Amino acid sequence: MIINKYISLVITGVLFLMLMLLLSSLVMLINPGMNIVYSGIIVIFFVFICRAFYNFLRNDDQYKNTRKRSSDIKGESYITKGESDIKKTFVIVWVFLMTILLAVTFIIIA
């Protein structure tokens, strides 16, 4: 199962938001005066995690997307393509749920 390019970008953005909320919550709990250099290094690491997550959403055993080859046919419209994958569905639901919970936690802490 692969997911539409634009929906994958939105879900990856939600993952990045979740990671940033997690970082902000941990900084507020552990050390509010954390050095900005360490936060920058962690954010760069988060970008690589999000890129790998985007590849996870866009690639499958049957469909492979690279810079030179795309499994999207011009004019084709879909949300998911291929047979259903419960693992990807669980990960997507988990990302949305954790983002909501982290947002609520951040509101409570701040």
PDB file of N, CA and C in Angstrom:
ATOM      1  N   MET A   1       0.848  -1.169   0.000  1.00  0.00           N
ATOM      2  CA  MET A   1       0.000   0.000   0.000  1.00  0.00           C
ATOM      3  C   MET A   1       0.894   1.232   0.000  1.00  0.00           C
ATOM      4  N   ILE A   2       0.689   2.102  -0.977  1.00  0.00           N
ATOM      5  CA  ILE A   2       1.356   3.394  -0.965  1.00  0.00           C
ATOM      6  C   ILE A   2       0.283   4.461  -0.836  1.00  0.00           C
ATOM      7  N   ILE A   3       0.685   5.597  -0.347  1.00  0.00           N
ATOM      8  CA  ILE A   3      -0.248   6.691  -0.091  1.00  0.00           C
ATOM      9  C   ILE A   3       0.065   7.833  -1.051  1.00  0.00           C
ATOM     10  N   ASN A   4      -0.951   8.576  -1.420  1.00  0.00           N
ATOM     11  CA  ASN A   4      -0.823   9.717  -2.312  1.00  0.00           C
ATOM     12  C   ASN A   4       0.307  10.634  -1.850  1.00  0.00           C
ATOM     13  N   LYS A   5       0.995  11.246  -2.807  1.00  0.00           N
ATOM     14  CA  LYS A   5       2.153  12.085  -2.509  1.00  0.00           C
ATOM     15  C   LYS A   5       1.807  13.227  -1.554  1.00  0.00           C
ATOM     16  N   TYR A   6       0.719  13.922  -1.797  1.00  0.00           N
ATOM     17  CA  TYR A   6       0.378  15.088  -0.993  1.00  0.00           C
ATOM     18  C   TYR A   6      -0.126  14.690   0.397  1.00  0.00           C
ATOM     19  N   ILE A   7      -0.854  13.603   0.468  1.00  0.00           N
ATOM     20  CA  ILE A   7      -1.290  13.112   1.770  1.00  0.00           C
ATOM     21  C   ILE A   7      -0.074  12.631   2.566  1.00  0.00           C
ATOM     22  N   SER A   8       0.885  12.011   1.893  1.00  0.00           N
ATOM     23  CA  SER A   8       2.115  11.583   2.559  1.00  0.00           C
ATOM     24  C   SER A   8       2.891  12.776   3.104  1.00  0.00           C
ATOM     25  N   LEU A   9       2.914  13.878   2.360  1.00  0.00           N
ATOM     26  CA  LEU A   9       3.587  15.078   2.844  1.00  0.00           C
ATOM     27  C   LEU A   9       2.913  15.632   4.087  1.00  0.00           C
ATOM     28  N   VAL A  10       1.583  15.630   4.104  1.00  0.00           N
ATOM     29  CA  VAL A  10       0.851  16.118   5.274  1.00  0.00           C
ATOM     30  C   VAL A  10       1.111  15.224   6.483  1.00  0.00           C
ATOM     31  N   ILE A  11       1.074  13.916   6.290  1.00  0.00           N
ATOM     32  CA  ILE A  11       1.311  12.985   7.397  1.00  0.00           C
ATOM     33  C   ILE A  11       2.752  13.118   7.898  1.00  0.00           C
ATOM     34  N   THR A  12       3.702  13.335   6.994  1.00  0.00           N
ATOM     35  CA  THR A  12       5.088  13.551   7.399  1.00  0.00           C
ATOM     36  C   THR A  12       5.224  14.857   8.172  1.00  0.00           C
ATOM     37  N   GLY A  13       4.490  15.882   7.768  1.00  0.00           N
ATOM     38  CA  GLY A  13       4.477  17.136   8.519  1.00  0.00           C
ATOM     39  C   GLY A  13       3.913  16.951   9.917  1.00  0.00           C
ATOM     40  N   VAL A  14       2.902  16.120  10.043  1.00  0.00           N
ATOM     41  CA  VAL A  14       2.344  15.817  11.362  1.00  0.00           C
ATOM     42  C   VAL A  14       3.369  15.084  12.224  1.00  0.00           C
ATOM     43  N   LEU A  15       4.134  14.175  11.618  1.00  0.00           N
ATOM     44  CA  LEU A  15       5.200  13.487  12.357  1.00  0.00           C
ATOM     45  C   LEU A  15       6.253  14.484  12.832  1.00  0.00           C
ATOM     46  N   PHE A  16       6.646  15.430  11.964  1.00  0.00           N
ATOM     47  CA  PHE A  16       7.631  16.435  12.359  1.00  0.00           C
ATOM     48  C   PHE A  16       7.084  17.297  13.496  1.00  0.00           C
ATOM     49  N   LEU A  17       5.814  17.662  13.402  1.00  0.00           N
ATOM     50  CA  LEU A  17       5.180  18.423  14.487  1.00  0.00           C
ATOM     51  C   LEU A  17       5.204  17.628  15.784  1.00  0.00           C
ATOM     52  N   MET A  18       4.922  16.328  15.696  1.00  0.00           N
ATOM     53  CA  MET A  18       4.947  15.479  16.885  1.00  0.00           C
ATOM     54  C   MET A  18       6.345  15.453  17.492  1.00  0.00           C
ATOM     55  N   LEU A  19       7.368  15.298  16.657  1.00  0.00           N
ATOM     56  CA  LEU A  19       8.733  15.264  17.171  1.00  0.00           C
ATOM     57  C   LEU A  19       9.135  16.594  17.799  1.00  0.00           C
ATOM     58  N   MET A  20       8.725  17.695  17.198  1.00  0.00           N
ATOM     59  CA  MET A  20       9.043  19.005  17.767  1.00  0.00           C
ATOM     60  C   MET A  20       8.301  19.242  19.082  1.00  0.00           C
ATOM     61  N   LEU A  21       7.051  18.797  19.161  1.00  0.00           N
ATOM     62  CA  LEU A  21       6.321  18.903  20.427  1.00  0.00           C
ATOM     63  C   LEU A  21       6.974  18.053  21.508  1.00  0.00           C
ATOM     64  N   LEU A  22       7.446  16.876  21.121  1.00  0.00           N
ATOM     65  CA  LEU A  22       8.143  16.015  22.070  1.00  0.00           C
ATOM     66  C   LEU A  22       9.419  16.693  22.560  1.00  0.00           C
ATOM     67  N   LEU A  23      10.188  17.261  21.650  1.00  0.00           N
ATOM     68  CA  LEU A  23      11.409  17.964  22.035  1.00  0.00           C
ATOM     69  C   LEU A  23      11.093  19.147  22.943  1.00  0.00           C
ATOM     70  N   SER A  24      10.080  19.921  22.591  1.00  0.00           N
ATOM     71  CA  SER A  24       9.713  21.082  23.406  1.00  0.00           C
ATOM     72  C   SER A  24       9.253  20.659  24.794  1.00  0.00           C
ATOM     73  N   SER A  25       8.475  19.603  24.873  1.00  0.00           N
ATOM     74  CA  SER A  25       8.003  19.125  26.174  1.00  0.00           C
ATOM     75  C   SER A  25       9.163  18.640  27.037  1.00  0.00           C
ATOM     76  N   LEU A  26      10.086  17.904  26.431  1.00  0.00           N
ATOM     77  CA  LEU A  26      11.234  17.418  27.196  1.00  0.00           C
ATOM     78  C   LEU A  26      12.132  18.563  27.656  1.00  0.00           C
ATOM     79  N   VAL A  27      12.316  19.558  26.806  1.00  0.00           N
ATOM     80  CA  VAL A  27      13.123  20.704  27.197  1.00  0.00           C
ATOM     81  C   VAL A  27      12.453  21.452  28.352  1.00  0.00           C
ATOM     82  N   MET A  28      11.140  21.617  28.298  1.00  0.00           N
ATOM     83  CA  MET A  28      10.430  22.316  29.375  1.00  0.00           C
ATOM     84  C   MET A  28      10.492  21.529  30.680  1.00  0.00           C
ATOM     85  N   LEU A  29      10.453  20.209  30.594  1.00  0.00           N
ATOM     86  CA  LEU A  29      10.493  19.386  31.801  1.00  0.00           C
ATOM     87  C   LEU A  29      11.898  19.266  32.381  1.00  0.00           C
ATOM     88  N   ILE A  30      12.888  19.001  31.535  1.00  0.00           N
ATOM     89  CA  ILE A  30      14.226  18.667  32.010  1.00  0.00           C
ATOM     90  C   ILE A  30      15.086  19.909  32.234  1.00  0.00           C
ATOM     91  N   ASN A  31      15.236  20.714  31.185  1.00  0.00           N
ATOM     92  CA  ASN A  31      16.166  21.834  31.281  1.00  0.00           C
ATOM     93  C   ASN A  31      15.666  22.984  30.414  1.00  0.00           C
ATOM     94  N   PRO A  32      14.932  23.941  30.995  1.00  0.00           N
ATOM     95  CA  PRO A  32      14.407  25.054  30.189  1.00  0.00           C
ATOM     96  C   PRO A  32      15.497  25.910  29.532  1.00  0.00           C
ATOM     97  N   GLY A  33      16.718  25.887  30.043  1.00  0.00           N
ATOM     98  CA  GLY A  33      17.801  26.674  29.459  1.00  0.00           C
ATOM     99  C   GLY A  33      18.700  25.864  28.558  1.00  0.00           C
ATOM    100  N   MET A  34      18.131  24.874  27.880  1.00  0.00           N
ATOM    101  CA  MET A  34      18.936  23.992  27.023  1.00  0.00           C
ATOM    102  C   MET A  34      19.611  24.786  25.918  1.00  0.00           C
ATOM    103  N   ASN A  35      20.843  24.437  25.655  1.00  0.00           N
ATOM    104  CA  ASN A  35      21.620  25.125  24.637  1.00  0.00           C
ATOM    105  C   ASN A  35      20.966  24.947  23.267  1.00  0.00           C
ATOM    106  N   ILE A  36      20.884  26.036  22.507  1.00  0.00           N
ATOM    107  CA  ILE A  36      20.210  26.011  21.208  1.00  0.00           C
ATOM    108  C   ILE A  36      20.961  25.137  20.206  1.00  0.00           C
ATOM    109  N   VAL A  37      22.262  24.959  20.392  1.00  0.00           N
ATOM    110  CA  VAL A  37      23.040  24.125  19.474  1.00  0.00           C
ATOM    111  C   VAL A  37      22.565  22.675  19.532  1.00  0.00           C
ATOM    112  N   TYR A  38      22.317  22.186  20.736  1.00  0.00           N
ATOM    113  CA  TYR A  38      21.844  20.811  20.866  1.00  0.00           C
ATOM    114  C   TYR A  38      20.462  20.643  20.238  1.00  0.00           C
ATOM    115  N   SER A  39      19.623  21.637  20.401  1.00  0.00           N
ATOM    116  CA  SER A  39      18.292  21.574  19.780  1.00  0.00           C
ATOM    117  C   SER A  39      18.406  21.558  18.264  1.00  0.00           C
ATOM    118  N   GLY A  40      19.324  22.321  17.708  1.00  0.00           N
ATOM    119  CA  GLY A  40      19.522  22.345  16.260  1.00  0.00           C
ATOM    120  C   GLY A  40      19.993  21.010  15.719  1.00  0.00           C
ATOM    121  N   ILE A  41      20.895  20.372  16.440  1.00  0.00           N
ATOM    122  CA  ILE A  41      21.375  19.053  16.019  1.00  0.00           C
ATOM    123  C   ILE A  41      20.237  18.038  16.061  1.00  0.00           C
ATOM    124  N   ILE A  42      19.415  18.118  17.092  1.00  0.00           N
ATOM    125  CA  ILE A  42      18.276  17.209  17.207  1.00  0.00           C
ATOM    126  C   ILE A  42      17.275  17.455  16.086  1.00  0.00           C
ATOM    127  N   VAL A  43      17.038  18.716  15.722  1.00  0.00           N
ATOM    128  CA  VAL A  43      16.104  19.035  14.632  1.00  0.00           C
ATOM    129  C   VAL A  43      16.610  18.484  13.308  1.00  0.00           C
ATOM    130  N   ILE A  44      17.911  18.562  13.054  1.00  0.00           N
ATOM    131  CA  ILE A  44      18.472  17.982  11.828  1.00  0.00           C
ATOM    132  C   ILE A  44      18.238  16.471  11.814  1.00  0.00           C
ATOM    133  N   PHE A  45      18.408  15.828  12.952  1.00  0.00           N
ATOM    134  CA  PHE A  45      18.134  14.397  13.073  1.00  0.00           C
ATOM    135  C   PHE A  45      16.658  14.118  12.794  1.00  0.00           C
ATOM    136  N   PHE A  46      15.755  14.994  13.270  1.00  0.00           N
ATOM    137  CA  PHE A  46      14.316  14.838  13.025  1.00  0.00           C
ATOM    138  C   PHE A  46      14.000  14.930  11.536  1.00  0.00           C
ATOM    139  N   VAL A  47      14.705  15.792  10.804  1.00  0.00           N
ATOM    140  CA  VAL A  47      14.477  15.919   9.357  1.00  0.00           C
ATOM    141  C   VAL A  47      14.789  14.597   8.658  1.00  0.00           C
ATOM    142  N   PHE A  48      15.875  13.943   9.062  1.00  0.00           N
ATOM    143  CA  PHE A  48      16.217  12.651   8.468  1.00  0.00           C
ATOM    144  C   PHE A  48      15.182  11.582   8.824  1.00  0.00           C
ATOM    145  N   ILE A  49      14.679  11.629  10.044  1.00  0.00           N
ATOM    146  CA  ILE A  49      13.622  10.688  10.443  1.00  0.00           C
ATOM    147  C   ILE A  49      12.376  10.908   9.592  1.00  0.00           C
ATOM    148  N   CYS A  50      12.002  12.155   9.376  1.00  0.00           N
ATOM    149  CA  CYS A  50      10.805  12.455   8.578  1.00  0.00           C
ATOM    150  C   CYS A  50      10.994  12.049   7.125  1.00  0.00           C
ATOM    151  N   ARG A  51      12.186  12.208   6.594  1.00  0.00           N
ATOM    152  CA  ARG A  51      12.445  11.782   5.214  1.00  0.00           C
ATOM    153  C   ARG A  51      12.314  10.259   5.082  1.00  0.00           C
ATOM    154  N   ALA A  52      12.821   9.545   6.060  1.00  0.00           N
ATOM    155  CA  ALA A  52      12.690   8.079   6.043  1.00  0.00           C
ATOM    156  C   ALA A  52      11.224   7.674   6.185  1.00  0.00           C
ATOM    157  N   PHE A  53      10.462   8.413   6.988  1.00  0.00           N
ATOM    158  CA  PHE A  53       9.039   8.120   7.164  1.00  0.00           C
ATOM    159  C   PHE A  53       8.275   8.373   5.867  1.00  0.00           C
ATOM    160  N   TYR A  54       8.625   9.448   5.154  1.00  0.00           N
ATOM    161  CA  TYR A  54       7.993   9.730   3.866  1.00  0.00           C
ATOM    162  C   TYR A  54       8.271   8.595   2.874  1.00  0.00           C
ATOM    163  N   ASN A  55       9.496   8.109   2.855  1.00  0.00           N
ATOM    164  CA  ASN A  55       9.828   6.976   1.984  1.00  0.00           C
ATOM    165  C   ASN A  55       9.057   5.728   2.392  1.00  0.00           C
ATOM    166  N   PHE A  56       8.849   5.541   3.687  1.00  0.00           N
ATOM    167  CA  PHE A  56       8.066   4.408   4.178  1.00  0.00           C
ATOM    168  C   PHE A  56       6.627   4.481   3.671  1.00  0.00           C
ATOM    169  N   LEU A  57       6.057   5.687   3.648  1.00  0.00           N
ATOM    170  CA  LEU A  57       4.677   5.844   3.182  1.00  0.00           C
ATOM    171  C   LEU A  57       4.551   5.703   1.673  1.00  0.00           C
ATOM    172  N   ARG A  58       5.579   6.092   0.935  1.00  0.00           N
ATOM    173  CA  ARG A  58       5.491   6.118  -0.528  1.00  0.00           C
ATOM    174  C   ARG A  58       5.999   4.858  -1.210  1.00  0.00           C
ATOM    175  N   ASN A  59       6.673   3.960  -0.491  1.00  0.00           N
ATOM    176  CA  ASN A  59       7.233   2.762  -1.111  1.00  0.00           C
ATOM    177  C   ASN A  59       6.580   1.516  -0.554  1.00  0.00           C
ATOM    178  N   ASP A  60       6.594   0.484  -1.369  1.00  0.00           N
ATOM    179  CA  ASP A  60       5.976  -0.786  -1.031  1.00  0.00           C
ATOM    180  C   ASP A  60       6.752  -1.885  -1.757  1.00  0.00           C
ATOM    181  N   ASP A  61       6.383  -3.126  -1.499  1.00  0.00           N
ATOM    182  CA  ASP A  61       7.030  -4.228  -2.218  1.00  0.00           C
ATOM    183  C   ASP A  61       6.737  -4.156  -3.709  1.00  0.00           C
ATOM    184  N   GLN A  62       5.539  -3.709  -4.055  1.00  0.00           N
ATOM    185  CA  GLN A  62       5.130  -3.666  -5.453  1.00  0.00           C
ATOM    186  C   GLN A  62       5.482  -2.334  -6.114  1.00  0.00           C
ATOM    187  N   TYR A  63       5.295  -1.222  -5.396  1.00  0.00           N
ATOM    188  CA  TYR A  63       5.512   0.112  -5.962  1.00  0.00           C
ATOM    189  C   TYR A  63       6.760   0.732  -5.348  1.00  0.00           C
ATOM    190  N   LYS A  64       7.680   1.172  -6.210  1.00  0.00           N
ATOM    191  CA  LYS A  64       8.899   1.833  -5.756  1.00  0.00           C
ATOM    192  C   LYS A  64       8.940   3.232  -6.352  1.00  0.00           C
ATOM    193  N   ASN A  65       9.142   4.224  -5.507  1.00  0.00           N
ATOM    194  CA  ASN A  65       9.252   5.603  -5.952  1.00  0.00           C
ATOM    195  C   ASN A  65      10.663   6.101  -5.675  1.00  0.00           C
ATOM    196  N   THR A  66      11.309   6.595  -6.700  1.00  0.00           N
ATOM    197  CA  THR A  66      12.629   7.206  -6.566  1.00  0.00           C
ATOM    198  C   THR A  66      12.576   8.555  -7.270  1.00  0.00           C
ATOM    199  N   ARG A  67      13.706   9.248  -7.281  1.00  0.00           N
ATOM    200  CA  ARG A  67      13.723  10.541  -7.973  1.00  0.00           C
ATOM    201  C   ARG A  67      13.555  10.366  -9.480  1.00  0.00           C
ATOM    202  N   LYS A  68      14.053   9.250 -10.012  1.00  0.00           N
ATOM    203  CA  LYS A  68      13.986   9.034 -11.454  1.00  0.00           C
ATOM    204  C   LYS A  68      12.729   8.295 -11.895  1.00  0.00           C
ATOM    205  N   ARG A  69      12.117   7.544 -10.992  1.00  0.00           N
ATOM    206  CA  ARG A  69      10.957   6.729 -11.358  1.00  0.00           C
ATOM    207  C   ARG A  69       9.842   6.931 -10.343  1.00  0.00           C
ATOM    208  N   SER A  70       8.654   7.181 -10.848  1.00  0.00           N
ATOM    209  CA  SER A  70       7.493   7.350  -9.990  1.00  0.00           C
ATOM    210  C   SER A  70       6.435   6.325 -10.379  1.00  0.00           C
ATOM    211  N   SER A  71       5.728   5.811  -9.384  1.00  0.00           N
ATOM    212  CA  SER A  71       4.663   4.852  -9.678  1.00  0.00           C
ATOM    213  C   SER A  71       3.344   5.563  -9.955  1.00  0.00           C
ATOM    214  N   ASP A  72       3.349   6.896  -9.882  1.00  0.00           N
ATOM    215  CA  ASP A  72       2.140   7.661 -10.186  1.00  0.00           C
ATOM    216  C   ASP A  72       2.011   7.848 -11.688  1.00  0.00           C
ATOM    217  N   ILE A  73       0.846   7.523 -12.202  1.00  0.00           N
ATOM    218  CA  ILE A  73       0.555   7.714 -13.614  1.00  0.00           C
ATOM    219  C   ILE A  73      -0.077   9.091 -13.769  1.00  0.00           C
ATOM    220  N   LYS A  74       0.315   9.821 -14.798  1.00  0.00           N
ATOM    221  CA  LYS A  74      -0.196  11.170 -15.007  1.00  0.00           C
ATOM    222  C   LYS A  74      -1.721  11.140 -15.112  1.00  0.00           C
ATOM    223  N   GLY A  75      -2.365  11.984 -14.323  1.00  0.00           N
ATOM    224  CA  GLY A  75      -3.816  12.056 -14.314  1.00  0.00           C
ATOM    225  C   GLY A  75      -4.481  11.072 -13.362  1.00  0.00           C
ATOM    226  N   GLU A  76      -3.688  10.218 -12.728  1.00  0.00           N
ATOM    227  CA  GLU A  76      -4.245   9.223 -11.811  1.00  0.00           C
ATOM    228  C   GLU A  76      -4.526   9.878 -10.455  1.00  0.00           C
ATOM    229  N   SER A  77      -5.671   9.571  -9.901  1.00  0.00           N
ATOM    230  CA  SER A  77      -6.056  10.118  -8.606  1.00  0.00           C
ATOM    231  C   SER A  77      -6.358   8.966  -7.655  1.00  0.00           C
ATOM    232  N   TYR A  78      -5.677   8.951  -6.513  1.00  0.00           N
ATOM    233  CA  TYR A  78      -5.905   7.896  -5.527  1.00  0.00           C
ATOM    234  C   TYR A  78      -5.503   8.408  -4.146  1.00  0.00           C
ATOM    235  N   ILE A  79      -6.020   7.768  -3.133  1.00  0.00           N
ATOM    236  CA  ILE A  79      -5.580   8.031  -1.766  1.00  0.00           C
ATOM    237  C   ILE A  79      -4.590   6.956  -1.352  1.00  0.00           C
ATOM    238  N   THR A  80      -4.969   5.704  -1.530  1.00  0.00           N
ATOM    239  CA  THR A  80      -4.040   4.591  -1.318  1.00  0.00           C
ATOM    240  C   THR A  80      -4.052   3.723  -2.566  1.00  0.00           C
ATOM    241  N   LYS A  81      -2.933   3.067  -2.799  1.00  0.00           N
ATOM    242  CA  LYS A  81      -2.791   2.233  -3.995  1.00  0.00           C
ATOM    243  C   LYS A  81      -2.163   0.913  -3.572  1.00  0.00           C
ATOM    244  N   GLY A  82      -2.689  -0.170  -4.043  1.00  0.00           N
ATOM    245  CA  GLY A  82      -2.168  -1.481  -3.686  1.00  0.00           C
ATOM    246  C   GLY A  82      -2.993  -2.106  -2.572  1.00  0.00           C
ATOM    247  N   GLU A  83      -2.568  -3.303  -2.168  1.00  0.00           N
ATOM    248  CA  GLU A  83      -3.327  -3.977  -1.125  1.00  0.00           C
ATOM    249  C   GLU A  83      -3.073  -3.335   0.234  1.00  0.00           C
ATOM    250  N   SER A  84      -4.070  -3.409   1.090  1.00  0.00           N
ATOM    251  CA  SER A  84      -4.038  -2.751   2.387  1.00  0.00           C
ATOM    252  C   SER A  84      -2.926  -3.315   3.275  1.00  0.00           C
ATOM    253  N   ASP A  85      -2.276  -2.430   3.998  1.00  0.00           N
ATOM    254  CA  ASP A  85      -1.196  -2.807   4.909  1.00  0.00           C
ATOM    255  C   ASP A  85      -1.559  -2.314   6.302  1.00  0.00           C
ATOM    256  N   ILE A  86      -1.847  -3.223   7.212  1.00  0.00           N
ATOM    257  CA  ILE A  86      -2.285  -2.861   8.558  1.00  0.00           C
ATOM    258  C   ILE A  86      -1.177  -2.177   9.337  1.00  0.00           C
ATOM    259  N   LYS A  87       0.084  -2.499   9.030  1.00  0.00           N
ATOM    260  CA  LYS A  87       1.209  -1.882   9.744  1.00  0.00           C
ATOM    261  C   LYS A  87       1.282  -0.385   9.439  1.00  0.00           C
ATOM    262  N   LYS A  88       1.141  -0.010   8.161  1.00  0.00           N
ATOM    263  CA  LYS A  88       1.172   1.403   7.800  1.00  0.00           C
ATOM    264  C   LYS A  88      -0.022   2.140   8.388  1.00  0.00           C
ATOM    265  N   THR A  89      -1.177   1.498   8.354  1.00  0.00           N
ATOM    266  CA  THR A  89      -2.370   2.118   8.917  1.00  0.00           C
ATOM    267  C   THR A  89      -2.191   2.365  10.408  1.00  0.00           C
ATOM    268  N   PHE A  90      -1.642   1.386  11.123  1.00  0.00           N
ATOM    269  CA  PHE A  90      -1.401   1.545  12.561  1.00  0.00           C
ATOM    270  C   PHE A  90      -0.417   2.672  12.834  1.00  0.00           C
ATOM    271  N   VAL A  91       0.657   2.754  12.058  1.00  0.00           N
ATOM    272  CA  VAL A  91       1.668   3.796  12.264  1.00  0.00           C
ATOM    273  C   VAL A  91       1.067   5.174  12.021  1.00  0.00           C
ATOM    274  N   ILE A  92       0.247   5.322  10.991  1.00  0.00           N
ATOM    275  CA  ILE A  92      -0.377   6.612  10.696  1.00  0.00           C
ATOM    276  C   ILE A  92      -1.320   7.023  11.815  1.00  0.00           C
ATOM    277  N   VAL A  93      -2.158   6.106  12.281  1.00  0.00           N
ATOM    278  CA  VAL A  93      -3.080   6.415  13.379  1.00  0.00           C
ATOM    279  C   VAL A  93      -2.289   6.747  14.636  1.00  0.00           C
ATOM    280  N   TRP A  94      -1.204   6.010  14.897  1.00  0.00           N
ATOM    281  CA  TRP A  94      -0.377   6.255  16.069  1.00  0.00           C
ATOM    282  C   TRP A  94       0.250   7.644  16.020  1.00  0.00           C
ATOM    283  N   VAL A  95       0.730   8.069  14.854  1.00  0.00           N
ATOM    284  CA  VAL A  95       1.342   9.396  14.713  1.00  0.00           C
ATOM    285  C   VAL A  95       0.321  10.482  15.015  1.00  0.00           C
ATOM    286  N   PHE A  96      -0.881  10.370  14.463  1.00  0.00           N
ATOM    287  CA  PHE A  96      -1.910  11.374  14.730  1.00  0.00           C
ATOM    288  C   PHE A  96      -2.308  11.395  16.206  1.00  0.00           C
ATOM    289  N   LEU A  97      -2.491  10.230  16.796  1.00  0.00           N
ATOM    290  CA  LEU A  97      -2.874  10.152  18.201  1.00  0.00           C
ATOM    291  C   LEU A  97      -1.791  10.729  19.113  1.00  0.00           C
ATOM    292  N   MET A  98      -0.541  10.368  18.863  1.00  0.00           N
ATOM    293  CA  MET A  98       0.548  10.879  19.693  1.00  0.00           C
ATOM    294  C   MET A  98       0.721  12.387  19.527  1.00  0.00           C
ATOM    295  N   THR A  99       0.489  12.912  18.331  1.00  0.00           N
ATOM    296  CA  THR A  99       0.583  14.353  18.132  1.00  0.00           C
ATOM    297  C   THR A  99      -0.468  15.080  18.953  1.00  0.00           C
ATOM    298  N   ILE A 100      -1.680  14.562  18.964  1.00  0.00           N
ATOM    299  CA  ILE A 100      -2.747  15.175  19.760  1.00  0.00           C
ATOM    300  C   ILE A 100      -2.412  15.101  21.248  1.00  0.00           C
ATOM    301  N   LEU A 101      -1.955  13.938  21.712  1.00  0.00           N
ATOM    302  CA  LEU A 101      -1.613  13.783  23.120  1.00  0.00           C
ATOM    303  C   LEU A 101      -0.437  14.668  23.530  1.00  0.00           C
ATOM    304  N   LEU A 102       0.558  14.790  22.668  1.00  0.00           N
ATOM    305  CA  LEU A 102       1.685  15.667  22.978  1.00  0.00           C
ATOM    306  C   LEU A 102       1.276  17.136  22.994  1.00  0.00           C
ATOM    307  N   ALA A 103       0.364  17.519  22.119  1.00  0.00           N
ATOM    308  CA  ALA A 103      -0.125  18.902  22.127  1.00  0.00           C
ATOM    309  C   ALA A 103      -0.853  19.202  23.429  1.00  0.00           C
ATOM    310  N   VAL A 104      -1.662  18.280  23.872  1.00  0.00           N
ATOM    311  CA  VAL A 104      -2.373  18.469  25.141  1.00  0.00           C
ATOM    312  C   VAL A 104      -1.366  18.508  26.292  1.00  0.00           C
ATOM    313  N   THR A 105      -0.374  17.636  26.284  1.00  0.00           N
ATOM    314  CA  THR A 105       0.651  17.620  27.327  1.00  0.00           C
ATOM    315  C   THR A 105       1.423  18.930  27.339  1.00  0.00           C
ATOM    316  N   PHE A 106       1.769  19.429  26.171  1.00  0.00           N
ATOM    317  CA  PHE A 106       2.507  20.698  26.099  1.00  0.00           C
ATOM    318  C   PHE A 106       1.683  21.848  26.648  1.00  0.00           C
ATOM    319  N   ILE A 107       0.394  21.845  26.377  1.00  0.00           N
ATOM    320  CA  ILE A 107      -0.487  22.886  26.918  1.00  0.00           C
ATOM    321  C   ILE A 107      -0.531  22.803  28.440  1.00  0.00           C
ATOM    322  N   ILE A 108      -0.602  21.583  28.968  1.00  0.00           N
ATOM    323  CA  ILE A 108      -0.647  21.399  30.417  1.00  0.00           C
ATOM    324  C   ILE A 108       0.664  21.837  31.069  1.00  0.00           C
ATOM    325  N   ILE A 109       1.807  21.494  30.442  1.00  0.00           N
ATOM    326  CA  ILE A 109       3.115  21.845  31.012  1.00  0.00           C
ATOM    327  C   ILE A 109       3.359  23.347  30.933  1.00  0.00           C
ATOM    328  N   ALA A 110       3.062  23.941  29.790  1.00  0.00           N
ATOM    329  CA  ALA A 110       3.332  25.369  29.608  1.00  0.00           C
ATOM    330  C   ALA A 110       2.278  26.149  30.340  1.00  0.00           C
TER     331      ALA A 110
END
